[in-house]
Amino acid sequence: MAYQIGDECIQCGACAAQCPAEAISEGEDKYVIDADACLGCGACADGCPAGAITEA
């Protein structure tokens, strides 16, 4: 997986809206990235207002 979502996630959904592969979904306490579907493009990290998404 190219990216991961940390505990800083505020569950706003901005990352999911930016993901062209639809690899991000709402988890129990934060959004999660499906490693098999992730393209590694970084669109999610660019769109995260909390800075919660980093390269794995």
PDB file of N, CA and C in Angstrom:
ATOM      1  N   MET A   1       0.849  -1.182   0.000  1.00  0.00           N
ATOM      2  CA  MET A   1       0.000   0.000   0.000  1.00  0.00           C
ATOM      3  C   MET A   1       0.887   1.236   0.000  1.00  0.00           C
ATOM      4  N   ALA A   2       0.549   2.185  -0.807  1.00  0.00           N
ATOM      5  CA  ALA A   2       1.356   3.384  -0.908  1.00  0.00           C
ATOM      6  C   ALA A   2       1.027   4.407   0.162  1.00  0.00           C
ATOM      7  N   TYR A   3      -0.213   4.417   0.652  1.00  0.00           N
ATOM      8  CA  TYR A   3      -0.635   5.409   1.640  1.00  0.00           C
ATOM      9  C   TYR A   3      -1.390   4.762   2.779  1.00  0.00           C
ATOM     10  N   GLN A   4      -1.391   5.451   3.928  1.00  0.00           N
ATOM     11  CA  GLN A   4      -2.145   4.977   5.083  1.00  0.00           C
ATOM     12  C   GLN A   4      -2.768   6.178   5.779  1.00  0.00           C
ATOM     13  N   ILE A   5      -3.877   5.955   6.466  1.00  0.00           N
ATOM     14  CA  ILE A   5      -4.582   7.016   7.176  1.00  0.00           C
ATOM     15  C   ILE A   5      -4.318   6.864   8.664  1.00  0.00           C
ATOM     16  N   GLY A   6      -3.799   7.927   9.258  1.00  0.00           N
ATOM     17  CA  GLY A   6      -3.447   7.892  10.677  1.00  0.00           C
ATOM     18  C   GLY A   6      -4.593   8.301  11.592  1.00  0.00           C
ATOM     19  N   ASP A   7      -4.299   8.300  12.880  1.00  0.00           N
ATOM     20  CA  ASP A   7      -5.291   8.627  13.897  1.00  0.00           C
ATOM     21  C   ASP A   7      -5.733  10.088  13.857  1.00  0.00           C
ATOM     22  N   GLU A   8      -5.045  10.913  13.102  1.00  0.00           N
ATOM     23  CA  GLU A   8      -5.434  12.320  12.967  1.00  0.00           C
ATOM     24  C   GLU A   8      -6.700  12.498  12.132  1.00  0.00           C
ATOM     25  N   CYS A   9      -7.159  11.426  11.505  1.00  0.00           N
ATOM     26  CA  CYS A   9      -8.345  11.457  10.638  1.00  0.00           C
ATOM     27  C   CYS A   9      -9.543  12.041  11.386  1.00  0.00           C
ATOM     28  N   ILE A  10     -10.204  13.021  10.763  1.00  0.00           N
ATOM     29  CA  ILE A  10     -11.378  13.653  11.364  1.00  0.00           C
ATOM     30  C   ILE A  10     -12.675  13.159  10.718  1.00  0.00           C
ATOM     31  N   GLN A  11     -12.597  12.128   9.914  1.00  0.00           N
ATOM     32  CA  GLN A  11     -13.744  11.484   9.272  1.00  0.00           C
ATOM     33  C   GLN A  11     -14.580  12.453   8.441  1.00  0.00           C
ATOM     34  N   CYS A  12     -13.931  13.323   7.699  1.00  0.00           N
ATOM     35  CA  CYS A  12     -14.649  14.298   6.886  1.00  0.00           C
ATOM     36  C   CYS A  12     -15.038  13.749   5.521  1.00  0.00           C
ATOM     37  N   GLY A  13     -14.329  12.716   5.053  1.00  0.00           N
ATOM     38  CA  GLY A  13     -14.635  12.104   3.769  1.00  0.00           C
ATOM     39  C   GLY A  13     -13.966  12.747   2.567  1.00  0.00           C
ATOM     40  N   ALA A  14     -13.168  13.764   2.782  1.00  0.00           N
ATOM     41  CA  ALA A  14     -12.496  14.441   1.670  1.00  0.00           C
ATOM     42  C   ALA A  14     -11.609  13.477   0.889  1.00  0.00           C
ATOM     43  N   CYS A  15     -10.928  12.592   1.585  1.00  0.00           N
ATOM     44  CA  CYS A  15     -10.028  11.639   0.923  1.00  0.00           C
ATOM     45  C   CYS A  15     -10.809  10.687   0.010  1.00  0.00           C
ATOM     46  N   ALA A  16     -11.922  10.195   0.495  1.00  0.00           N
ATOM     47  CA  ALA A  16     -12.730   9.264  -0.290  1.00  0.00           C
ATOM     48  C   ALA A  16     -13.259   9.935  -1.555  1.00  0.00           C
ATOM     49  N   ALA A  17     -13.622  11.197  -1.444  1.00  0.00           N
ATOM     50  CA  ALA A  17     -14.126  11.939  -2.594  1.00  0.00           C
ATOM     51  C   ALA A  17     -13.035  12.165  -3.636  1.00  0.00           C
ATOM     52  N   GLN A  18     -11.776  12.249  -3.217  1.00  0.00           N
ATOM     53  CA  GLN A  18     -10.658  12.497  -4.123  1.00  0.00           C
ATOM     54  C   GLN A  18     -10.098  11.238  -4.776  1.00  0.00           C
ATOM     55  N   CYS A  19     -10.383  10.075  -4.211  1.00  0.00           N
ATOM     56  CA  CYS A  19      -9.769   8.831  -4.682  1.00  0.00           C
ATOM     57  C   CYS A  19     -10.362   8.353  -6.004  1.00  0.00           C
ATOM     58  N   PRO A  20      -9.555   8.324  -7.086  1.00  0.00           N
ATOM     59  CA  PRO A  20     -10.060   7.886  -8.393  1.00  0.00           C
ATOM     60  C   PRO A  20     -10.333   6.380  -8.458  1.00  0.00           C
ATOM     61  N   ALA A  21      -9.748   5.618  -7.547  1.00  0.00           N
ATOM     62  CA  ALA A  21      -9.923   4.162  -7.547  1.00  0.00           C
ATOM     63  C   ALA A  21     -11.018   3.713  -6.582  1.00  0.00           C
ATOM     64  N   GLU A  22     -11.618   4.667  -5.878  1.00  0.00           N
ATOM     65  CA  GLU A  22     -12.642   4.355  -4.869  1.00  0.00           C
ATOM     66  C   GLU A  22     -12.115   3.328  -3.867  1.00  0.00           C
ATOM     67  N   ALA A  23     -10.868   3.510  -3.453  1.00  0.00           N
ATOM     68  CA  ALA A  23     -10.200   2.575  -2.544  1.00  0.00           C
ATOM     69  C   ALA A  23     -10.351   2.955  -1.077  1.00  0.00           C
ATOM     70  N   ILE A  24     -11.044   4.059  -0.795  1.00  0.00           N
ATOM     71  CA  ILE A  24     -11.166   4.542   0.575  1.00  0.00           C
ATOM     72  C   ILE A  24     -12.611   4.437   1.035  1.00  0.00           C
ATOM     73  N   SER A  25     -12.782   3.884   2.227  1.00  0.00           N
ATOM     74  CA  SER A  25     -14.123   3.754   2.790  1.00  0.00           C
ATOM     75  C   SER A  25     -14.108   4.144   4.262  1.00  0.00           C
ATOM     76  N   GLU A  26     -15.300   4.402   4.796  1.00  0.00           N
ATOM     77  CA  GLU A  26     -15.414   4.800   6.188  1.00  0.00           C
ATOM     78  C   GLU A  26     -15.243   3.592   7.087  1.00  0.00           C
ATOM     79  N   GLY A  27     -14.299   3.706   8.007  1.00  0.00           N
ATOM     80  CA  GLY A  27     -14.060   2.636   8.964  1.00  0.00           C
ATOM     81  C   GLY A  27     -14.764   2.920  10.276  1.00  0.00           C
ATOM     82  N   GLU A  28     -14.395   2.182  11.294  1.00  0.00           N
ATOM     83  CA  GLU A  28     -15.042   2.323  12.596  1.00  0.00           C
ATOM     84  C   GLU A  28     -14.751   3.670  13.253  1.00  0.00           C
ATOM     85  N   ASP A  29     -13.477   4.083  13.261  1.00  0.00           N
ATOM     86  CA  ASP A  29     -13.126   5.352  13.897  1.00  0.00           C
ATOM     87  C   ASP A  29     -12.339   6.286  12.989  1.00  0.00           C
ATOM     88  N   LYS A  30     -12.085   5.857  11.762  1.00  0.00           N
ATOM     89  CA  LYS A  30     -11.411   6.675  10.759  1.00  0.00           C
ATOM     90  C   LYS A  30     -11.626   6.026   9.397  1.00  0.00           C
ATOM     91  N   TYR A  31     -11.313   6.748   8.349  1.00  0.00           N
ATOM     92  CA  TYR A  31     -11.404   6.170   7.005  1.00  0.00           C
ATOM     93  C   TYR A  31     -10.243   5.199   6.805  1.00  0.00           C
ATOM     94  N   VAL A  32     -10.441   4.216   5.944  1.00  0.00           N
ATOM     95  CA  VAL A  32      -9.414   3.209   5.688  1.00  0.00           C
ATOM     96  C   VAL A  32      -9.179   3.074   4.185  1.00  0.00           C
ATOM     97  N   ILE A  33      -7.964   2.681   3.829  1.00  0.00           N
ATOM     98  CA  ILE A  33      -7.582   2.499   2.423  1.00  0.00           C
ATOM     99  C   ILE A  33      -7.460   1.013   2.127  1.00  0.00           C
ATOM    100  N   ASP A  34      -8.118   0.574   1.065  1.00  0.00           N
ATOM    101  CA  ASP A  34      -8.007  -0.808   0.598  1.00  0.00           C
ATOM    102  C   ASP A  34      -6.684  -0.928  -0.159  1.00  0.00           C
ATOM    103  N   ALA A  35      -5.743  -1.616   0.423  1.00  0.00           N
ATOM    104  CA  ALA A  35      -4.392  -1.723  -0.147  1.00  0.00           C
ATOM    105  C   ALA A  35      -4.395  -2.333  -1.544  1.00  0.00           C
ATOM    106  N   ASP A  36      -5.292  -3.251  -1.810  1.00  0.00           N
ATOM    107  CA  ASP A  36      -5.332  -3.898  -3.119  1.00  0.00           C
ATOM    108  C   ASP A  36      -5.861  -2.976  -4.211  1.00  0.00           C
ATOM    109  N   ALA A  37      -6.693  -2.012  -3.834  1.00  0.00           N
ATOM    110  CA  ALA A  37      -7.280  -1.104  -4.816  1.00  0.00           C
ATOM    111  C   ALA A  37      -6.511   0.207  -4.967  1.00  0.00           C
ATOM    112  N   CYS A  38      -5.688   0.542  -3.987  1.00  0.00           N
ATOM    113  CA  CYS A  38      -4.943   1.810  -4.000  1.00  0.00           C
ATOM    114  C   CYS A  38      -3.996   1.890  -5.195  1.00  0.00           C
ATOM    115  N   LEU A  39      -4.055   3.027  -5.893  1.00  0.00           N
ATOM    116  CA  LEU A  39      -3.179   3.254  -7.048  1.00  0.00           C
ATOM    117  C   LEU A  39      -1.865   3.920  -6.654  1.00  0.00           C
ATOM    118  N   GLY A  40      -1.804   4.451  -5.436  1.00  0.00           N
ATOM    119  CA  GLY A  40      -0.597   5.157  -4.995  1.00  0.00           C
ATOM    120  C   GLY A  40      -0.446   6.520  -5.623  1.00  0.00           C
ATOM    121  N   CYS A  41      -1.544   7.128  -6.055  1.00  0.00           N
ATOM    122  CA  CYS A  41      -1.474   8.400  -6.772  1.00  0.00           C
ATOM    123  C   CYS A  41      -1.290   9.612  -5.857  1.00  0.00           C
ATOM    124  N   GLY A  42      -1.694   9.502  -4.593  1.00  0.00           N
ATOM    125  CA  GLY A  42      -1.528  10.594  -3.650  1.00  0.00           C
ATOM    126  C   GLY A  42      -2.649  11.615  -3.621  1.00  0.00           C
ATOM    127  N   ALA A  43      -3.689  11.415  -4.414  1.00  0.00           N
ATOM    128  CA  ALA A  43      -4.805  12.362  -4.435  1.00  0.00           C
ATOM    129  C   ALA A  43      -5.455  12.481  -3.063  1.00  0.00           C
ATOM    130  N   CYS A  44      -5.525  11.395  -2.344  1.00  0.00           N
ATOM    131  CA  CYS A  44      -6.133  11.405  -1.014  1.00  0.00           C
ATOM    132  C   CYS A  44      -5.330  12.272  -0.052  1.00  0.00           C
ATOM    133  N   ALA A  45      -4.021  12.127  -0.070  1.00  0.00           N
ATOM    134  CA  ALA A  45      -3.159  12.906   0.816  1.00  0.00           C
ATOM    135  C   ALA A  45      -3.245  14.392   0.491  1.00  0.00           C
ATOM    136  N   ASP A  46      -3.306  14.716  -0.786  1.00  0.00           N
ATOM    137  CA  ASP A  46      -3.411  16.113  -1.201  1.00  0.00           C
ATOM    138  C   ASP A  46      -4.729  16.732  -0.748  1.00  0.00           C
ATOM    139  N   GLY A  47      -5.791  15.939  -0.673  1.00  0.00           N
ATOM    140  CA  GLY A  47      -7.100  16.459  -0.324  1.00  0.00           C
ATOM    141  C   GLY A  47      -7.455  16.387   1.145  1.00  0.00           C
ATOM    142  N   CYS A  48      -6.571  15.861   1.979  1.00  0.00           N
ATOM    143  CA  CYS A  48      -6.869  15.692   3.406  1.00  0.00           C
ATOM    144  C   CYS A  48      -6.599  16.976   4.191  1.00  0.00           C
ATOM    145  N   PRO A  49      -7.637  17.609   4.753  1.00  0.00           N
ATOM    146  CA  PRO A  49      -7.421  18.843   5.494  1.00  0.00           C
ATOM    147  C   PRO A  49      -6.725  18.654   6.839  1.00  0.00           C
ATOM    148  N   ALA A  50      -6.727  17.418   7.356  1.00  0.00           N
ATOM    149  CA  ALA A  50      -6.111  17.145   8.651  1.00  0.00           C
ATOM    150  C   ALA A  50      -4.671  16.657   8.527  1.00  0.00           C
ATOM    151  N   GLY A  51      -4.213  16.397   7.325  1.00  0.00           N
ATOM    152  CA  GLY A  51      -2.863  15.882   7.139  1.00  0.00           C
ATOM    153  C   GLY A  51      -2.691  14.493   7.705  1.00  0.00           C
ATOM    154  N   ALA A  52      -3.775  13.705   7.678  1.00  0.00           N
ATOM    155  CA  ALA A  52      -3.770  12.380   8.303  1.00  0.00           C
ATOM    156  C   ALA A  52      -3.257  11.268   7.407  1.00  0.00           C
ATOM    157  N   ILE A  53      -3.018  11.570   6.134  1.00  0.00           N
ATOM    158  CA  ILE A  53      -2.625  10.529   5.189  1.00  0.00           C
ATOM    159  C   ILE A  53      -1.152  10.676   4.826  1.00  0.00           C
ATOM    160  N   THR A  54      -0.417   9.591   5.034  1.00  0.00           N
ATOM    161  CA  THR A  54       1.017   9.594   4.760  1.00  0.00           C
ATOM    162  C   THR A  54       1.389   8.371   3.934  1.00  0.00           C
ATOM    163  N   GLU A  55       2.549   8.421   3.336  1.00  0.00           N
ATOM    164  CA  GLU A  55       3.051   7.261   2.602  1.00  0.00           C
ATOM    165  C   GLU A  55       3.407   6.173   3.603  1.00  0.00           C
ATOM    166  N   ALA A  56       3.062   4.955   3.242  1.00  0.00           N
ATOM    167  CA  ALA A  56       3.323   3.817   4.140  1.00  0.00           C
ATOM    168  C   ALA A  56       4.772   3.390   4.055  1.00  0.00           C
TER     169      ALA A  56
END
